[in-house]
Amino acid sequence: VLSDYHNTMVAGGDALDDELSSAGDIGDSKALLDQSGTFAMQKLKFETCQVSLAACRLLKLVHEVMKQACSSASAKVANILFQSARDCLEIFLAIVPLRFSDVINTVPRMGAVYYNDCLYIAHNSTLLTHRYRHELGKVDEVLQHTAGFVDFIPRFRSTGDQVMTSHLEDQRVAL
């Protein structure tokens, strides 16, 4: 998580589908727009943006841990792996804002990247919950009803909003 925070990539929403090889790409917004789907699905779609490689790598790690939890033979191991996946997100929230506070709080581009990271992880928290809940239920019935990542959504959104609001206020004052 601590390396390559300044390197970005194009993210389209689901961390499983996003390619780390897009690092450095700016992206063609017209080419990336998908006009298919219902109105409701278009409203729920994550807007294509630049996120840090660290955020995408983190989510790929969380997906891998959750896959291992779903394929584990015991409920105890599944529960430990599920908690480990949650801990990965907690570590991001605890470390990145402190370790990179100087650039996140002073460089508008990095503040925007951090804001995008927070929204990207919040969006993927919803996807993680829905993608793995049923499979975890096969290993441990209690996890089917309790396993989730949705409690991270307001925390990530709030943290990202604070940084973006601060940068917008700084820009307003400068103008």
N, C-alpha and C. Protein backbone atom coordinates (compact mmCIF):
# COMPACT_ATOMS: atom_id res chain seq x y z
N VAL A 1 0.83 -1.19 0.00
CA VAL A 1 0.00 0.00 0.00
C VAL A 1 0.87 1.25 0.00
N LEU A 2 2.04 1.17 0.57
CA LEU A 2 2.86 2.36 0.71
C LEU A 2 3.69 2.69 -0.53
N SER A 3 3.76 1.79 -1.47
CA SER A 3 4.55 2.10 -2.67
C SER A 3 3.63 2.52 -3.81
N ASP A 4 4.17 3.30 -4.70
CA ASP A 4 3.47 3.68 -5.92
C ASP A 4 2.16 4.43 -5.69
N TYR A 5 2.05 5.17 -4.60
CA TYR A 5 0.78 5.87 -4.41
C TYR A 5 0.59 6.97 -5.44
N HIS A 6 1.67 7.52 -5.94
CA HIS A 6 1.57 8.59 -6.93
C HIS A 6 1.26 8.07 -8.34
N ASN A 7 1.41 6.75 -8.58
CA ASN A 7 1.10 6.18 -9.89
C ASN A 7 -0.39 5.89 -9.98
N THR A 8 -0.98 6.27 -11.12
CA THR A 8 -2.42 6.09 -11.27
C THR A 8 -2.73 5.22 -12.47
N MET A 9 -3.98 4.80 -12.54
CA MET A 9 -4.49 3.99 -13.63
C MET A 9 -5.94 4.36 -13.87
N VAL A 10 -6.48 3.92 -14.99
CA VAL A 10 -7.88 4.16 -15.31
C VAL A 10 -8.71 3.06 -14.64
N ALA A 11 -9.72 3.47 -13.87
CA ALA A 11 -10.60 2.52 -13.20
C ALA A 11 -12.01 2.69 -13.72
N GLY A 12 -12.66 1.57 -13.95
CA GLY A 12 -14.02 1.62 -14.47
C GLY A 12 -15.07 1.14 -13.49
N GLY A 13 -14.68 0.72 -12.30
CA GLY A 13 -15.67 0.33 -11.31
C GLY A 13 -15.33 -0.92 -10.55
N ASP A 14 -15.34 -2.08 -11.22
CA ASP A 14 -15.09 -3.34 -10.55
C ASP A 14 -13.61 -3.64 -10.58
N ALA A 15 -13.00 -3.78 -9.42
CA ALA A 15 -11.56 -4.01 -9.32
C ALA A 15 -11.14 -5.30 -10.00
N LEU A 16 -12.02 -6.29 -10.06
CA LEU A 16 -11.67 -7.53 -10.75
C LEU A 16 -11.50 -7.32 -12.24
N ASP A 17 -12.23 -6.38 -12.81
CA ASP A 17 -12.17 -6.13 -14.25
C ASP A 17 -11.13 -5.07 -14.62
N ASP A 18 -10.74 -4.24 -13.68
CA ASP A 18 -9.80 -3.16 -13.97
C ASP A 18 -8.39 -3.73 -14.12
N GLU A 19 -7.69 -3.24 -15.12
CA GLU A 19 -6.35 -3.73 -15.44
C GLU A 19 -5.28 -2.79 -14.91
N LEU A 20 -4.34 -3.35 -14.18
CA LEU A 20 -3.21 -2.56 -13.70
C LEU A 20 -2.36 -2.06 -14.86
N SER A 21 -2.49 -2.70 -16.02
CA SER A 21 -1.69 -2.30 -17.18
C SER A 21 -2.13 -0.95 -17.74
N SER A 22 -3.26 -0.43 -17.27
CA SER A 22 -3.70 0.89 -17.74
C SER A 22 -3.00 2.01 -16.99
N ALA A 23 -2.01 1.67 -16.19
CA ALA A 23 -1.28 2.68 -15.41
C ALA A 23 -0.71 3.74 -16.33
N GLY A 24 -0.95 4.98 -15.99
CA GLY A 24 -0.45 6.09 -16.76
C GLY A 24 -1.38 6.55 -17.85
N ASP A 25 -2.37 5.73 -18.23
CA ASP A 25 -3.32 6.13 -19.26
C ASP A 25 -4.22 7.23 -18.73
N ILE A 26 -4.53 8.17 -19.57
CA ILE A 26 -5.49 9.21 -19.22
C ILE A 26 -6.89 8.70 -19.50
N GLY A 27 -7.04 7.96 -20.57
CA GLY A 27 -8.34 7.39 -20.91
C GLY A 27 -9.12 8.30 -21.83
N ASP A 28 -9.82 7.72 -22.76
CA ASP A 28 -10.68 8.44 -23.68
C ASP A 28 -12.10 8.27 -23.18
N SER A 29 -12.66 9.33 -22.61
CA SER A 29 -13.98 9.22 -21.98
C SER A 29 -15.05 8.79 -22.96
N LYS A 30 -14.97 9.21 -24.21
CA LYS A 30 -15.98 8.81 -25.18
C LYS A 30 -15.87 7.33 -25.49
N ALA A 31 -14.65 6.81 -25.56
CA ALA A 31 -14.46 5.40 -25.86
C ALA A 31 -14.84 4.52 -24.68
N LEU A 32 -14.74 5.05 -23.48
CA LEU A 32 -15.00 4.24 -22.30
C LEU A 32 -16.46 4.24 -21.87
N LEU A 33 -17.27 5.12 -22.45
CA LEU A 33 -18.67 5.16 -22.07
C LEU A 33 -19.40 3.95 -22.59
N ASP A 34 -20.18 3.33 -21.76
CA ASP A 34 -20.98 2.19 -22.18
C ASP A 34 -22.43 2.62 -22.12
N GLN A 35 -23.07 2.66 -23.26
CA GLN A 35 -24.45 3.15 -23.34
C GLN A 35 -25.48 2.05 -23.12
N SER A 36 -25.04 0.80 -22.92
CA SER A 36 -26.00 -0.28 -22.73
C SER A 36 -26.47 -0.32 -21.28
N GLY A 37 -27.54 -1.07 -21.06
CA GLY A 37 -28.04 -1.26 -19.71
C GLY A 37 -29.25 -0.40 -19.41
N THR A 38 -29.90 -0.72 -18.32
CA THR A 38 -31.09 0.00 -17.92
C THR A 38 -30.72 1.32 -17.28
N PHE A 39 -31.70 2.16 -17.12
CA PHE A 39 -31.49 3.47 -16.49
C PHE A 39 -30.94 3.30 -15.08
N ALA A 40 -31.51 2.35 -14.32
CA ALA A 40 -31.06 2.13 -12.94
C ALA A 40 -29.60 1.68 -12.91
N MET A 41 -29.22 0.79 -13.81
CA MET A 41 -27.85 0.31 -13.83
C MET A 41 -26.89 1.42 -14.24
N GLN A 42 -27.30 2.31 -15.14
CA GLN A 42 -26.46 3.43 -15.52
C GLN A 42 -26.22 4.36 -14.33
N LYS A 43 -27.23 4.53 -13.48
CA LYS A 43 -27.08 5.39 -12.31
C LYS A 43 -26.15 4.77 -11.26
N LEU A 44 -26.10 3.44 -11.22
CA LEU A 44 -25.25 2.75 -10.24
C LEU A 44 -23.84 2.52 -10.74
N LYS A 45 -23.60 2.78 -12.00
CA LYS A 45 -22.29 2.55 -12.59
C LYS A 45 -21.27 3.55 -12.05
N PHE A 46 -20.10 3.06 -11.77
CA PHE A 46 -19.01 3.90 -11.29
C PHE A 46 -18.42 4.66 -12.48
N GLU A 47 -18.24 5.95 -12.31
CA GLU A 47 -17.68 6.76 -13.39
C GLU A 47 -16.20 6.44 -13.57
N THR A 48 -15.78 6.35 -14.80
CA THR A 48 -14.37 6.09 -15.11
C THR A 48 -13.52 7.26 -14.62
N CYS A 49 -12.45 6.93 -13.91
CA CYS A 49 -11.58 7.97 -13.36
C CYS A 49 -10.20 7.40 -13.10
N GLN A 50 -9.29 8.24 -12.65
CA GLN A 50 -7.95 7.83 -12.28
C GLN A 50 -7.92 7.47 -10.80
N VAL A 51 -7.41 6.29 -10.50
CA VAL A 51 -7.20 5.88 -9.11
C VAL A 51 -5.75 5.44 -8.97
N SER A 52 -5.29 5.36 -7.75
CA SER A 52 -3.91 4.93 -7.54
C SER A 52 -3.79 3.43 -7.77
N LEU A 53 -2.60 3.02 -8.18
CA LEU A 53 -2.33 1.59 -8.32
C LEU A 53 -2.48 0.89 -6.98
N ALA A 54 -2.15 1.59 -5.91
CA ALA A 54 -2.25 1.02 -4.57
C ALA A 54 -3.69 0.63 -4.25
N ALA A 55 -4.66 1.48 -4.62
CA ALA A 55 -6.07 1.18 -4.34
C ALA A 55 -6.53 -0.04 -5.13
N CYS A 56 -6.13 -0.12 -6.39
CA CYS A 56 -6.54 -1.26 -7.20
C CYS A 56 -5.88 -2.54 -6.70
N ARG A 57 -4.60 -2.47 -6.37
CA ARG A 57 -3.90 -3.65 -5.84
C ARG A 57 -4.53 -4.11 -4.52
N LEU A 58 -4.90 -3.15 -3.69
CA LEU A 58 -5.56 -3.47 -2.44
C LEU A 58 -6.84 -4.24 -2.69
N LEU A 59 -7.67 -3.76 -3.60
CA LEU A 59 -8.94 -4.43 -3.87
C LEU A 59 -8.75 -5.79 -4.52
N LYS A 60 -7.75 -5.93 -5.35
CA LYS A 60 -7.46 -7.25 -5.93
C LYS A 60 -7.04 -8.22 -4.82
N LEU A 61 -6.27 -7.74 -3.85
CA LEU A 61 -5.88 -8.57 -2.71
C LEU A 61 -7.12 -8.97 -1.90
N VAL A 62 -8.01 -8.03 -1.65
CA VAL A 62 -9.23 -8.32 -0.90
C VAL A 62 -10.06 -9.37 -1.63
N HIS A 63 -10.18 -9.25 -2.95
CA HIS A 63 -10.91 -10.26 -3.73
C HIS A 63 -10.26 -11.63 -3.59
N GLU A 64 -8.94 -11.67 -3.65
CA GLU A 64 -8.23 -12.94 -3.54
C GLU A 64 -8.46 -13.57 -2.16
N VAL A 65 -8.40 -12.78 -1.12
CA VAL A 65 -8.64 -13.29 0.24
C VAL A 65 -10.08 -13.80 0.36
N MET A 66 -11.02 -13.08 -0.23
CA MET A 66 -12.42 -13.51 -0.16
C MET A 66 -12.65 -14.80 -0.95
N LYS A 67 -11.97 -14.96 -2.07
CA LYS A 67 -12.08 -16.22 -2.82
C LYS A 67 -11.56 -17.38 -1.99
N GLN A 68 -10.45 -17.14 -1.29
CA GLN A 68 -9.90 -18.18 -0.41
C GLN A 68 -10.86 -18.49 0.72
N ALA A 69 -11.52 -17.46 1.25
CA ALA A 69 -12.49 -17.68 2.33
C ALA A 69 -13.65 -18.53 1.83
N CYS A 70 -14.10 -18.28 0.63
CA CYS A 70 -15.24 -19.02 0.07
C CYS A 70 -14.89 -20.47 -0.23
N SER A 71 -13.62 -20.73 -0.49
CA SER A 71 -13.23 -22.10 -0.82
C SER A 71 -12.62 -22.84 0.37
N SER A 72 -12.61 -22.22 1.53
CA SER A 72 -12.02 -22.88 2.69
C SER A 72 -12.92 -24.02 3.19
N ALA A 73 -12.27 -24.95 3.86
CA ALA A 73 -12.99 -26.14 4.31
C ALA A 73 -13.68 -25.94 5.66
N SER A 74 -13.24 -24.95 6.42
CA SER A 74 -13.85 -24.77 7.74
C SER A 74 -14.41 -23.38 7.91
N ALA A 75 -15.43 -23.29 8.72
CA ALA A 75 -16.07 -22.01 9.00
C ALA A 75 -15.11 -21.07 9.74
N LYS A 76 -14.28 -21.64 10.61
CA LYS A 76 -13.34 -20.82 11.37
C LYS A 76 -12.34 -20.15 10.44
N VAL A 77 -11.78 -20.89 9.49
CA VAL A 77 -10.82 -20.33 8.53
C VAL A 77 -11.51 -19.28 7.66
N ALA A 78 -12.73 -19.56 7.22
CA ALA A 78 -13.48 -18.60 6.40
C ALA A 78 -13.70 -17.30 7.15
N ASN A 79 -14.02 -17.40 8.42
CA ASN A 79 -14.26 -16.22 9.24
C ASN A 79 -12.97 -15.42 9.42
N ILE A 80 -11.86 -16.10 9.65
CA ILE A 80 -10.57 -15.42 9.81
C ILE A 80 -10.18 -14.72 8.51
N LEU A 81 -10.37 -15.39 7.38
CA LEU A 81 -10.04 -14.78 6.09
C LEU A 81 -10.94 -13.58 5.79
N PHE A 82 -12.22 -13.70 6.11
CA PHE A 82 -13.14 -12.58 5.92
C PHE A 82 -12.70 -11.38 6.76
N GLN A 83 -12.34 -11.62 8.01
CA GLN A 83 -11.87 -10.54 8.88
C GLN A 83 -10.55 -9.96 8.36
N SER A 84 -9.71 -10.81 7.77
CA SER A 84 -8.45 -10.33 7.19
C SER A 84 -8.71 -9.39 6.01
N ALA A 85 -9.70 -9.73 5.20
CA ALA A 85 -10.07 -8.87 4.07
C ALA A 85 -10.54 -7.50 4.57
N ARG A 86 -11.34 -7.52 5.62
CA ARG A 86 -11.81 -6.26 6.21
C ARG A 86 -10.63 -5.47 6.79
N ASP A 87 -9.69 -6.18 7.40
CA ASP A 87 -8.51 -5.52 7.97
C ASP A 87 -7.68 -4.81 6.90
N CYS A 88 -7.64 -5.38 5.70
CA CYS A 88 -6.91 -4.73 4.60
C CYS A 88 -7.49 -3.34 4.33
N LEU A 89 -8.81 -3.23 4.32
CA LEU A 89 -9.45 -1.93 4.10
C LEU A 89 -9.21 -0.99 5.27
N GLU A 90 -9.22 -1.54 6.48
CA GLU A 90 -8.93 -0.72 7.66
C GLU A 90 -7.51 -0.16 7.60
N ILE A 91 -6.57 -0.98 7.16
CA ILE A 91 -5.18 -0.54 7.07
C ILE A 91 -5.05 0.59 6.06
N PHE A 92 -5.74 0.49 4.93
CA PHE A 92 -5.70 1.58 3.95
C PHE A 92 -6.20 2.87 4.57
N LEU A 93 -7.33 2.80 5.27
CA LEU A 93 -7.89 3.99 5.92
C LEU A 93 -6.95 4.56 6.98
N ALA A 94 -6.21 3.70 7.64
CA ALA A 94 -5.33 4.16 8.72
C ALA A 94 -3.99 4.68 8.20
N ILE A 95 -3.43 4.04 7.19
CA ILE A 95 -2.06 4.36 6.78
C ILE A 95 -1.98 5.43 5.70
N VAL A 96 -2.73 5.29 4.63
CA VAL A 96 -2.56 6.18 3.47
C VAL A 96 -2.75 7.65 3.83
N PRO A 97 -3.83 8.03 4.55
CA PRO A 97 -3.98 9.46 4.87
C PRO A 97 -2.85 10.01 5.74
N LEU A 98 -2.23 9.18 6.54
CA LEU A 98 -1.12 9.64 7.39
C LEU A 98 0.20 9.62 6.64
N ARG A 99 0.49 8.53 5.96
CA ARG A 99 1.77 8.38 5.27
C ARG A 99 1.92 9.39 4.14
N PHE A 100 0.84 9.67 3.43
CA PHE A 100 0.89 10.56 2.28
C PHE A 100 0.15 11.87 2.53
N SER A 101 0.00 12.25 3.79
CA SER A 101 -0.76 13.47 4.12
C SER A 101 -0.15 14.71 3.48
N ASP A 102 1.19 14.77 3.39
CA ASP A 102 1.81 15.96 2.81
C ASP A 102 1.39 16.16 1.36
N VAL A 103 1.38 15.12 0.55
CA VAL A 103 1.00 15.30 -0.85
C VAL A 103 -0.52 15.30 -1.05
N ILE A 104 -1.23 14.51 -0.27
CA ILE A 104 -2.69 14.46 -0.40
C ILE A 104 -3.30 15.82 -0.03
N ASN A 105 -2.75 16.46 0.99
CA ASN A 105 -3.33 17.71 1.47
C ASN A 105 -2.78 18.96 0.79
N THR A 106 -1.68 18.84 0.05
CA THR A 106 -1.10 20.04 -0.57
C THR A 106 -1.13 20.03 -2.09
N VAL A 107 -1.13 18.87 -2.70
CA VAL A 107 -1.14 18.77 -4.16
C VAL A 107 -2.55 18.43 -4.63
N PRO A 108 -3.21 19.34 -5.32
CA PRO A 108 -4.60 19.09 -5.72
C PRO A 108 -4.80 17.79 -6.52
N ARG A 109 -3.85 17.45 -7.40
CA ARG A 109 -3.99 16.21 -8.17
C ARG A 109 -4.01 15.00 -7.25
N MET A 110 -3.14 14.97 -6.27
CA MET A 110 -3.09 13.83 -5.36
C MET A 110 -4.30 13.81 -4.43
N GLY A 111 -4.81 14.98 -4.09
CA GLY A 111 -6.05 15.03 -3.32
C GLY A 111 -7.20 14.44 -4.12
N ALA A 112 -7.22 14.73 -5.43
CA ALA A 112 -8.26 14.17 -6.29
C ALA A 112 -8.09 12.67 -6.45
N VAL A 113 -6.85 12.21 -6.55
CA VAL A 113 -6.59 10.77 -6.65
C VAL A 113 -7.06 10.07 -5.37
N TYR A 114 -6.75 10.66 -4.23
CA TYR A 114 -7.20 10.06 -2.96
C TYR A 114 -8.72 10.04 -2.89
N TYR A 115 -9.36 11.12 -3.30
CA TYR A 115 -10.82 11.18 -3.35
C TYR A 115 -11.37 10.08 -4.25
N ASN A 116 -10.78 9.91 -5.44
CA ASN A 116 -11.22 8.85 -6.34
C ASN A 116 -10.99 7.48 -5.73
N ASP A 117 -9.85 7.30 -5.05
CA ASP A 117 -9.57 6.02 -4.38
C ASP A 117 -10.67 5.70 -3.37
N CYS A 118 -11.03 6.69 -2.59
CA CYS A 118 -12.05 6.47 -1.56
C CYS A 118 -13.39 6.08 -2.17
N LEU A 119 -13.79 6.77 -3.23
CA LEU A 119 -15.05 6.44 -3.90
C LEU A 119 -14.98 5.08 -4.58
N TYR A 120 -13.84 4.77 -5.16
CA TYR A 120 -13.62 3.48 -5.82
C TYR A 120 -13.71 2.33 -4.82
N ILE A 121 -13.08 2.49 -3.68
CA ILE A 121 -13.12 1.44 -2.66
C ILE A 121 -14.53 1.34 -2.07
N ALA A 122 -15.20 2.46 -1.87
CA ALA A 122 -16.58 2.44 -1.37
C ALA A 122 -17.49 1.70 -2.35
N HIS A 123 -17.35 1.99 -3.63
CA HIS A 123 -18.14 1.31 -4.66
C HIS A 123 -17.87 -0.19 -4.65
N ASN A 124 -16.60 -0.55 -4.56
CA ASN A 124 -16.24 -1.96 -4.55
C ASN A 124 -16.66 -2.66 -3.26
N SER A 125 -16.82 -1.91 -2.19
CA SER A 125 -17.33 -2.51 -0.94
C SER A 125 -18.73 -3.07 -1.15
N THR A 126 -19.52 -2.37 -1.93
CA THR A 126 -20.86 -2.87 -2.26
C THR A 126 -20.76 -4.14 -3.10
N LEU A 127 -19.89 -4.10 -4.11
CA LEU A 127 -19.73 -5.25 -4.99
C LEU A 127 -19.21 -6.47 -4.24
N LEU A 128 -18.24 -6.25 -3.34
CA LEU A 128 -17.68 -7.35 -2.55
C LEU A 128 -18.76 -8.04 -1.72
N THR A 129 -19.60 -7.24 -1.09
CA THR A 129 -20.65 -7.80 -0.25
C THR A 129 -21.57 -8.71 -1.07
N HIS A 130 -22.00 -8.24 -2.20
CA HIS A 130 -22.93 -9.02 -3.02
C HIS A 130 -22.26 -10.19 -3.72
N ARG A 131 -21.01 -10.04 -4.09
CA ARG A 131 -20.33 -11.09 -4.83
C ARG A 131 -20.04 -12.31 -3.96
N TYR A 132 -19.69 -12.13 -2.70
CA TYR A 132 -19.21 -13.25 -1.89
C TYR A 132 -20.15 -13.71 -0.79
N ARG A 133 -21.20 -13.00 -0.52
CA ARG A 133 -22.08 -13.37 0.60
C ARG A 133 -22.67 -14.77 0.43
N HIS A 134 -23.18 -15.07 -0.75
CA HIS A 134 -23.80 -16.38 -0.98
C HIS A 134 -22.78 -17.51 -0.85
N GLU A 135 -21.60 -17.32 -1.44
CA GLU A 135 -20.56 -18.35 -1.37
C GLU A 135 -20.07 -18.57 0.05
N LEU A 136 -19.93 -17.48 0.82
CA LEU A 136 -19.53 -17.62 2.22
C LEU A 136 -20.59 -18.37 3.01
N GLY A 137 -21.86 -18.20 2.64
CA GLY A 137 -22.95 -18.89 3.30
C GLY A 137 -22.87 -20.40 3.16
N LYS A 138 -22.23 -20.88 2.10
CA LYS A 138 -22.05 -22.32 1.91
C LYS A 138 -21.03 -22.88 2.90
N VAL A 139 -20.08 -22.03 3.31
CA VAL A 139 -19.05 -22.44 4.26
C VAL A 139 -19.56 -22.26 5.69
N ASP A 140 -20.19 -21.13 5.95
CA ASP A 140 -20.69 -20.82 7.28
C ASP A 140 -21.99 -20.02 7.13
N GLU A 141 -23.08 -20.60 7.57
CA GLU A 141 -24.39 -19.97 7.39
C GLU A 141 -24.47 -18.60 8.09
N VAL A 142 -23.79 -18.47 9.21
CA VAL A 142 -23.81 -17.19 9.93
C VAL A 142 -23.17 -16.09 9.07
N LEU A 143 -22.08 -16.43 8.37
CA LEU A 143 -21.41 -15.44 7.52
C LEU A 143 -22.31 -14.95 6.38
N GLN A 144 -23.20 -15.80 5.92
CA GLN A 144 -24.09 -15.37 4.84
C GLN A 144 -24.94 -14.18 5.27
N HIS A 145 -25.26 -14.13 6.54
CA HIS A 145 -26.12 -13.06 7.05
C HIS A 145 -25.34 -11.89 7.66
N THR A 146 -24.08 -12.14 7.99
CA THR A 146 -23.32 -11.09 8.68
C THR A 146 -22.15 -10.54 7.87
N ALA A 147 -21.67 -11.30 6.91
CA ALA A 147 -20.49 -10.87 6.14
C ALA A 147 -20.85 -9.72 5.22
N GLY A 148 -20.07 -8.68 5.30
CA GLY A 148 -20.30 -7.55 4.42
C GLY A 148 -19.24 -6.49 4.58
N PHE A 149 -19.26 -5.58 3.63
CA PHE A 149 -18.31 -4.48 3.62
C PHE A 149 -19.01 -3.13 3.54
N VAL A 150 -20.33 -3.13 3.61
CA VAL A 150 -21.07 -1.89 3.41
C VAL A 150 -20.83 -0.85 4.50
N ASP A 151 -20.39 -1.27 5.67
CA ASP A 151 -20.08 -0.31 6.72
C ASP A 151 -18.87 0.56 6.37
N PHE A 152 -18.07 0.13 5.40
CA PHE A 152 -16.93 0.93 4.96
C PHE A 152 -17.36 2.08 4.05
N ILE A 153 -18.50 1.96 3.41
CA ILE A 153 -18.92 2.96 2.42
C ILE A 153 -18.96 4.37 2.99
N PRO A 154 -19.69 4.63 4.08
CA PRO A 154 -19.70 6.02 4.58
C PRO A 154 -18.34 6.49 5.09
N ARG A 155 -17.53 5.59 5.60
CA ARG A 155 -16.21 5.97 6.10
C ARG A 155 -15.30 6.41 4.96
N PHE A 156 -15.28 5.64 3.88
CA PHE A 156 -14.44 6.01 2.75
C PHE A 156 -14.96 7.28 2.07
N ARG A 157 -16.27 7.37 1.91
CA ARG A 157 -16.83 8.57 1.28
C ARG A 157 -16.54 9.82 2.10
N SER A 158 -16.70 9.72 3.40
CA SER A 158 -16.46 10.86 4.28
C SER A 158 -15.00 11.30 4.23
N THR A 159 -14.10 10.34 4.29
CA THR A 159 -12.68 10.66 4.25
C THR A 159 -12.30 11.33 2.93
N GLY A 160 -12.78 10.78 1.83
CA GLY A 160 -12.51 11.37 0.53
C GLY A 160 -13.13 12.75 0.38
N ASP A 161 -14.36 12.90 0.86
CA ASP A 161 -15.05 14.19 0.77
C ASP A 161 -14.31 15.28 1.54
N GLN A 162 -13.76 14.93 2.70
CA GLN A 162 -13.02 15.92 3.50
C GLN A 162 -11.82 16.46 2.74
N VAL A 163 -11.09 15.57 2.08
CA VAL A 163 -9.91 16.00 1.33
C VAL A 163 -10.33 16.85 0.13
N MET A 164 -11.33 16.41 -0.61
CA MET A 164 -11.77 17.15 -1.79
C MET A 164 -12.34 18.52 -1.40
N THR A 165 -13.13 18.56 -0.34
CA THR A 165 -13.69 19.83 0.12
C THR A 165 -12.60 20.80 0.52
N SER A 166 -11.57 20.30 1.17
CA SER A 166 -10.45 21.15 1.57
C SER A 166 -9.75 21.74 0.34
N HIS A 167 -9.52 20.92 -0.68
CA HIS A 167 -8.87 21.41 -1.88
C HIS A 167 -9.76 22.41 -2.63
N LEU A 168 -11.03 22.14 -2.70
CA LEU A 168 -11.95 23.08 -3.36
C LEU A 168 -11.99 24.43 -2.64
N GLU A 169 -11.97 24.39 -1.33
CA GLU A 169 -11.96 25.62 -0.54
C GLU A 169 -10.67 26.39 -0.76
N ASP A 170 -9.54 25.67 -0.81
CA ASP A 170 -8.25 26.32 -1.09
C ASP A 170 -8.26 26.98 -2.46
N GLN A 171 -8.84 26.32 -3.43
CA GLN A 171 -8.90 26.89 -4.79
C GLN A 171 -9.82 28.10 -4.84
N ARG A 172 -10.92 28.03 -4.10
CA ARG A 172 -11.85 29.16 -4.06
C ARG A 172 -11.17 30.38 -3.44
N VAL A 173 -10.44 30.16 -2.37
CA VAL A 173 -9.73 31.26 -1.71
C VAL A 173 -8.66 31.83 -2.65
N ALA A 174 -7.98 30.98 -3.38
CA ALA A 174 -6.93 31.43 -4.29
C ALA A 174 -7.48 32.26 -5.44
N LEU A 175 -8.71 31.96 -5.84
CA LEU A 175 -9.30 32.73 -6.92
C LEU A 175 -9.79 34.06 -6.41
